[in-house]
Amino acid sequence: MTDRRLWSYKDIAAHIRVQPDTVRSYRKHGLLPPPDHVESGKPYWYVDTIRLWVANRPGNRSRQG
């Protein structure tokens, strides 16, 4: 089943155990996928988008290679 909840910087930060400013920096440097939704100028990502990004990002120790 697809998870269509939207996550903010704060939600993503909690998921990967960093500060929200770190997630903002990732986006600024092109390390986050493009937002799935923008509301009032604020970006949001589907949970599935972030889970896929986490699974494939460099340095992820759980990745099979």
PDB file of N, CA and C in Angstrom:
ATOM      1  N   MET A   1       0.833  -1.181   0.000  1.00  0.00           N
ATOM      2  CA  MET A   1       0.000   0.000   0.000  1.00  0.00           C
ATOM      3  C   MET A   1       0.885   1.255   0.000  1.00  0.00           C
ATOM      4  N   THR A   2       0.507   2.222  -0.778  1.00  0.00           N
ATOM      5  CA  THR A   2       1.274   3.457  -0.894  1.00  0.00           C
ATOM      6  C   THR A   2       0.943   4.391   0.260  1.00  0.00           C
ATOM      7  N   ASP A   3       1.977   4.978   0.850  1.00  0.00           N
ATOM      8  CA  ASP A   3       1.797   5.920   1.942  1.00  0.00           C
ATOM      9  C   ASP A   3       1.809   7.325   1.367  1.00  0.00           C
ATOM     10  N   ARG A   4       0.666   7.974   1.350  1.00  0.00           N
ATOM     11  CA  ARG A   4       0.530   9.283   0.726  1.00  0.00           C
ATOM     12  C   ARG A   4       0.540  10.434   1.742  1.00  0.00           C
ATOM     13  N   ARG A   5       0.936  10.134   2.984  1.00  0.00           N
ATOM     14  CA  ARG A   5       1.092  11.231   3.945  1.00  0.00           C
ATOM     15  C   ARG A   5       2.212  12.145   3.452  1.00  0.00           C
ATOM     16  N   LEU A   6       2.094  13.421   3.770  1.00  0.00           N
ATOM     17  CA  LEU A   6       3.119  14.385   3.385  1.00  0.00           C
ATOM     18  C   LEU A   6       3.982  14.720   4.589  1.00  0.00           C
ATOM     19  N   TRP A   7       5.288  14.765   4.363  1.00  0.00           N
ATOM     20  CA  TRP A   7       6.247  15.093   5.410  1.00  0.00           C
ATOM     21  C   TRP A   7       6.900  16.432   5.122  1.00  0.00           C
ATOM     22  N   SER A   8       7.105  17.190   6.190  1.00  0.00           N
ATOM     23  CA  SER A   8       7.811  18.472   6.128  1.00  0.00           C
ATOM     24  C   SER A   8       9.287  18.236   6.440  1.00  0.00           C
ATOM     25  N   TYR A   9      10.052  19.321   6.416  1.00  0.00           N
ATOM     26  CA  TYR A   9      11.460  19.226   6.816  1.00  0.00           C
ATOM     27  C   TYR A   9      11.581  18.597   8.206  1.00  0.00           C
ATOM     28  N   LYS A  10      10.714  19.040   9.124  1.00  0.00           N
ATOM     29  CA  LYS A  10      10.767  18.545  10.505  1.00  0.00           C
ATOM     30  C   LYS A  10      10.523  17.035  10.564  1.00  0.00           C
ATOM     31  N   ASP A  11       9.559  16.547   9.805  1.00  0.00           N
ATOM     32  CA  ASP A  11       9.248  15.112   9.788  1.00  0.00           C
ATOM     33  C   ASP A  11      10.408  14.300   9.216  1.00  0.00           C
ATOM     34  N   ILE A  12      10.986  14.793   8.127  1.00  0.00           N
ATOM     35  CA  ILE A  12      12.120  14.106   7.506  1.00  0.00           C
ATOM     36  C   ILE A  12      13.297  14.080   8.473  1.00  0.00           C
ATOM     37  N   ALA A  13      13.541  15.214   9.119  1.00  0.00           N
ATOM     38  CA  ALA A  13      14.643  15.308  10.073  1.00  0.00           C
ATOM     39  C   ALA A  13      14.482  14.288  11.201  1.00  0.00           C
ATOM     40  N   ALA A  14      13.279  14.159  11.725  1.00  0.00           N
ATOM     41  CA  ALA A  14      13.034  13.186  12.800  1.00  0.00           C
ATOM     42  C   ALA A  14      13.266  11.768  12.294  1.00  0.00           C
ATOM     43  N   HIS A  15      12.867  11.496  11.065  1.00  0.00           N
ATOM     44  CA  HIS A  15      13.015  10.160  10.485  1.00  0.00           C
ATOM     45  C   HIS A  15      14.483   9.761  10.326  1.00  0.00           C
ATOM     46  N   ILE A  16      15.324  10.706   9.908  1.00  0.00           N
ATOM     47  CA  ILE A  16      16.738  10.368   9.681  1.00  0.00           C
ATOM     48  C   ILE A  16      17.635  10.842  10.826  1.00  0.00           C
ATOM     49  N   ARG A  17      17.021  11.356  11.885  1.00  0.00           N
ATOM     50  CA  ARG A  17      17.727  11.744  13.118  1.00  0.00           C
ATOM     51  C   ARG A  17      18.772  12.841  12.899  1.00  0.00           C
ATOM     52  N   VAL A  18      18.314  13.909  12.250  1.00  0.00           N
ATOM     53  CA  VAL A  18      19.134  15.113  12.086  1.00  0.00           C
ATOM     54  C   VAL A  18      18.258  16.318  12.417  1.00  0.00           C
ATOM     55  N   GLN A  19      18.849  17.497  12.411  1.00  0.00           N
ATOM     56  CA  GLN A  19      18.096  18.729  12.628  1.00  0.00           C
ATOM     57  C   GLN A  19      17.396  19.160  11.337  1.00  0.00           C
ATOM     58  N   PRO A  20      16.240  19.835  11.453  1.00  0.00           N
ATOM     59  CA  PRO A  20      15.549  20.321  10.252  1.00  0.00           C
ATOM     60  C   PRO A  20      16.439  21.177   9.347  1.00  0.00           C
ATOM     61  N   ASP A  21      17.336  21.972   9.933  1.00  0.00           N
ATOM     62  CA  ASP A  21      18.241  22.794   9.109  1.00  0.00           C
ATOM     63  C   ASP A  21      19.153  21.933   8.240  1.00  0.00           C
ATOM     64  N   THR A  22      19.486  20.743   8.711  1.00  0.00           N
ATOM     65  CA  THR A  22      20.308  19.826   7.915  1.00  0.00           C
ATOM     66  C   THR A  22      19.531  19.384   6.682  1.00  0.00           C
ATOM     67  N   VAL A  23      18.255  19.083   6.858  1.00  0.00           N
ATOM     68  CA  VAL A  23      17.412  18.667   5.727  1.00  0.00           C
ATOM     69  C   VAL A  23      17.267  19.826   4.743  1.00  0.00           C
ATOM     70  N   ARG A  24      17.109  21.042   5.253  1.00  0.00           N
ATOM     71  CA  ARG A  24      17.038  22.218   4.364  1.00  0.00           C
ATOM     72  C   ARG A  24      18.324  22.355   3.549  1.00  0.00           C
ATOM     73  N   SER A  25      19.443  22.095   4.211  1.00  0.00           N
ATOM     74  CA  SER A  25      20.736  22.159   3.528  1.00  0.00           C
ATOM     75  C   SER A  25      20.834  21.088   2.444  1.00  0.00           C
ATOM     76  N   TYR A  26      20.343  19.892   2.741  1.00  0.00           N
ATOM     77  CA  TYR A  26      20.334  18.817   1.732  1.00  0.00           C
ATOM     78  C   TYR A  26      19.573  19.280   0.492  1.00  0.00           C
ATOM     79  N   ARG A  27      18.423  19.919   0.702  1.00  0.00           N
ATOM     80  CA  ARG A  27      17.634  20.379  -0.451  1.00  0.00           C
ATOM     81  C   ARG A  27      18.382  21.474  -1.209  1.00  0.00           C
ATOM     82  N   LYS A  28      18.952  22.417  -0.474  1.00  0.00           N
ATOM     83  CA  LYS A  28      19.691  23.524  -1.093  1.00  0.00           C
ATOM     84  C   LYS A  28      20.818  23.013  -1.985  1.00  0.00           C
ATOM     85  N   HIS A  29      21.455  21.918  -1.564  1.00  0.00           N
ATOM     86  CA  HIS A  29      22.573  21.344  -2.306  1.00  0.00           C
ATOM     87  C   HIS A  29      22.159  20.243  -3.280  1.00  0.00           C
ATOM     88  N   GLY A  30      20.855  20.084  -3.498  1.00  0.00           N
ATOM     89  CA  GLY A  30      20.361  19.128  -4.477  1.00  0.00           C
ATOM     90  C   GLY A  30      20.441  17.680  -4.031  1.00  0.00           C
ATOM     91  N   LEU A  31      20.480  17.445  -2.725  1.00  0.00           N
ATOM     92  CA  LEU A  31      20.613  16.085  -2.214  1.00  0.00           C
ATOM     93  C   LEU A  31      19.277  15.434  -1.861  1.00  0.00           C
ATOM     94  N   LEU A  32      18.211  16.219  -1.861  1.00  0.00           N
ATOM     95  CA  LEU A  32      16.864  15.691  -1.620  1.00  0.00           C
ATOM     96  C   LEU A  32      16.134  15.594  -2.946  1.00  0.00           C
ATOM     97  N   PRO A  33      15.199  14.655  -3.065  1.00  0.00           N
ATOM     98  CA  PRO A  33      14.373  14.649  -4.283  1.00  0.00           C
ATOM     99  C   PRO A  33      13.497  15.908  -4.321  1.00  0.00           C
ATOM    100  N   PRO A  34      13.027  16.280  -5.488  1.00  0.00           N
ATOM    101  CA  PRO A  34      12.136  17.443  -5.570  1.00  0.00           C
ATOM    102  C   PRO A  34      10.891  17.213  -4.713  1.00  0.00           C
ATOM    103  N   PRO A  35      10.329  18.267  -4.149  1.00  0.00           N
ATOM    104  CA  PRO A  35       9.112  18.098  -3.336  1.00  0.00           C
ATOM    105  C   PRO A  35       7.964  17.544  -4.172  1.00  0.00           C
ATOM    106  N   ASP A  36       7.135  16.747  -3.526  1.00  0.00           N
ATOM    107  CA  ASP A  36       5.945  16.207  -4.193  1.00  0.00           C
ATOM    108  C   ASP A  36       4.800  17.211  -4.173  1.00  0.00           C
ATOM    109  N   HIS A  37       4.879  18.150  -3.239  1.00  0.00           N
ATOM    110  CA  HIS A  37       3.803  19.125  -3.072  1.00  0.00           C
ATOM    111  C   HIS A  37       4.388  20.389  -2.459  1.00  0.00           C
ATOM    112  N   VAL A  38       3.892  21.537  -2.892  1.00  0.00           N
ATOM    113  CA  VAL A  38       4.289  22.811  -2.286  1.00  0.00           C
ATOM    114  C   VAL A  38       3.004  23.538  -1.919  1.00  0.00           C
ATOM    115  N   GLU A  39       2.932  23.959  -0.653  1.00  0.00           N
ATOM    116  CA  GLU A  39       1.756  24.667  -0.176  1.00  0.00           C
ATOM    117  C   GLU A  39       2.211  25.925   0.547  1.00  0.00           C
ATOM    118  N   SER A  40       1.720  27.054   0.117  1.00  0.00           N
ATOM    119  CA  SER A  40       2.117  28.353   0.691  1.00  0.00           C
ATOM    120  C   SER A  40       3.632  28.517   0.698  1.00  0.00           C
ATOM    121  N   GLY A  41       4.274  28.019  -0.349  1.00  0.00           N
ATOM    122  CA  GLY A  41       5.718  28.144  -0.484  1.00  0.00           C
ATOM    123  C   GLY A  41       6.525  27.124   0.294  1.00  0.00           C
ATOM    124  N   LYS A  42       5.862  26.246   1.045  1.00  0.00           N
ATOM    125  CA  LYS A  42       6.564  25.245   1.849  1.00  0.00           C
ATOM    126  C   LYS A  42       6.546  23.891   1.138  1.00  0.00           C
ATOM    127  N   PRO A  43       7.718  23.245   1.046  1.00  0.00           N
ATOM    128  CA  PRO A  43       7.788  21.955   0.356  1.00  0.00           C
ATOM    129  C   PRO A  43       7.377  20.799   1.266  1.00  0.00           C
ATOM    130  N   TYR A  44       6.754  19.794   0.656  1.00  0.00           N
ATOM    131  CA  TYR A  44       6.369  18.566   1.354  1.00  0.00           C
ATOM    132  C   TYR A  44       6.665  17.377   0.451  1.00  0.00           C
ATOM    133  N   TRP A  45       7.001  16.262   1.075  1.00  0.00           N
ATOM    134  CA  TRP A  45       7.318  15.035   0.350  1.00  0.00           C
ATOM    135  C   TRP A  45       6.437  13.904   0.857  1.00  0.00           C
ATOM    136  N   TYR A  46       6.049  13.011  -0.060  1.00  0.00           N
ATOM    137  CA  TYR A  46       5.341  11.812   0.366  1.00  0.00           C
ATOM    138  C   TYR A  46       6.292  10.940   1.178  1.00  0.00           C
ATOM    139  N   VAL A  47       5.753  10.269   2.180  1.00  0.00           N
ATOM    140  CA  VAL A  47       6.551   9.373   3.012  1.00  0.00           C
ATOM    141  C   VAL A  47       7.294   8.367   2.138  1.00  0.00           C
ATOM    142  N   ASP A  48       6.622   7.805   1.147  1.00  0.00           N
ATOM    143  CA  ASP A  48       7.268   6.816   0.266  1.00  0.00           C
ATOM    144  C   ASP A  48       8.442   7.420  -0.502  1.00  0.00           C
ATOM    145  N   THR A  49       8.326   8.681  -0.909  1.00  0.00           N
ATOM    146  CA  THR A  49       9.426   9.355  -1.604  1.00  0.00           C
ATOM    147  C   THR A  49      10.650   9.410  -0.701  1.00  0.00           C
ATOM    148  N   ILE A  50      10.433   9.778   0.565  1.00  0.00           N
ATOM    149  CA  ILE A  50      11.550   9.907   1.503  1.00  0.00           C
ATOM    150  C   ILE A  50      12.117   8.535   1.861  1.00  0.00           C
ATOM    151  N   ARG A  51      11.266   7.547   2.053  1.00  0.00           N
ATOM    152  CA  ARG A  51      11.772   6.207   2.384  1.00  0.00           C
ATOM    153  C   ARG A  51      12.644   5.658   1.252  1.00  0.00           C
ATOM    154  N   LEU A  52      12.242   5.898   0.018  1.00  0.00           N
ATOM    155  CA  LEU A  52      13.036   5.457  -1.130  1.00  0.00           C
ATOM    156  C   LEU A  52      14.360   6.227  -1.174  1.00  0.00           C
ATOM    157  N   TRP A  53      14.315   7.526  -0.940  1.00  0.00           N
ATOM    158  CA  TRP A  53      15.531   8.346  -0.910  1.00  0.00           C
ATOM    159  C   TRP A  53      16.487   7.854   0.173  1.00  0.00           C
ATOM    160  N   VAL A  54      15.957   7.585   1.360  1.00  0.00           N
ATOM    161  CA  VAL A  54      16.790   7.100   2.470  1.00  0.00           C
ATOM    162  C   VAL A  54      17.438   5.765   2.104  1.00  0.00           C
ATOM    163  N   ALA A  55      16.675   4.876   1.496  1.00  0.00           N
ATOM    164  CA  ALA A  55      17.194   3.547   1.139  1.00  0.00           C
ATOM    165  C   ALA A  55      18.318   3.628   0.110  1.00  0.00           C
ATOM    166  N   ASN A  56      18.304   4.663  -0.716  1.00  0.00           N
ATOM    167  CA  ASN A  56      19.267   4.761  -1.817  1.00  0.00           C
ATOM    168  C   ASN A  56      20.342   5.821  -1.637  1.00  0.00           C
ATOM    169  N   ARG A  57      20.287   6.568  -0.539  1.00  0.00           N
ATOM    170  CA  ARG A  57      21.254   7.656  -0.396  1.00  0.00           C
ATOM    171  C   ARG A  57      22.642   7.125  -0.039  1.00  0.00           C
ATOM    172  N   PRO A  58      23.663   7.816  -0.506  1.00  0.00           N
ATOM    173  CA  PRO A  58      25.039   7.393  -0.211  1.00  0.00           C
ATOM    174  C   PRO A  58      25.276   7.332   1.299  1.00  0.00           C
ATOM    175  N   GLY A  59      26.016   6.345   1.705  1.00  0.00           N
ATOM    176  CA  GLY A  59      26.349   6.205   3.115  1.00  0.00           C
ATOM    177  C   GLY A  59      25.321   5.428   3.905  1.00  0.00           C
ATOM    178  N   ASN A  60      24.257   4.966   3.257  1.00  0.00           N
ATOM    179  CA  ASN A  60      23.256   4.177   3.966  1.00  0.00           C
ATOM    180  C   ASN A  60      23.815   2.779   4.162  1.00  0.00           C
ATOM    181  N   ARG A  61      24.130   2.429   5.393  1.00  0.00           N
ATOM    182  CA  ARG A  61      24.785   1.152   5.698  1.00  0.00           C
ATOM    183  C   ARG A  61      23.908  -0.060   5.427  1.00  0.00           C
ATOM    184  N   SER A  62      22.586   0.140   5.417  1.00  0.00           N
ATOM    185  CA  SER A  62      21.696  -1.006   5.226  1.00  0.00           C
ATOM    186  C   SER A  62      21.507  -1.353   3.756  1.00  0.00           C
ATOM    187  N   ARG A  63      22.063  -0.528   2.879  1.00  0.00           N
ATOM    188  CA  ARG A  63      21.906  -0.747   1.450  1.00  0.00           C
ATOM    189  C   ARG A  63      22.655  -1.980   0.991  1.00  0.00           C
ATOM    190  N   GLN A  64      22.046  -2.729   0.115  1.00  0.00           N
ATOM    191  CA  GLN A  64      22.704  -3.893  -0.498  1.00  0.00           C
ATOM    192  C   GLN A  64      23.400  -3.410  -1.764  1.00  0.00           C
ATOM    193  N   GLY A  65      24.652  -3.796  -1.961  1.00  0.00           N
ATOM    194  CA  GLY A  65      25.343  -3.246  -3.117  1.00  0.00           C
ATOM    195  C   GLY A  65      26.002  -4.271  -3.896  1.00  0.00           C
TER     196      GLY A  65
END
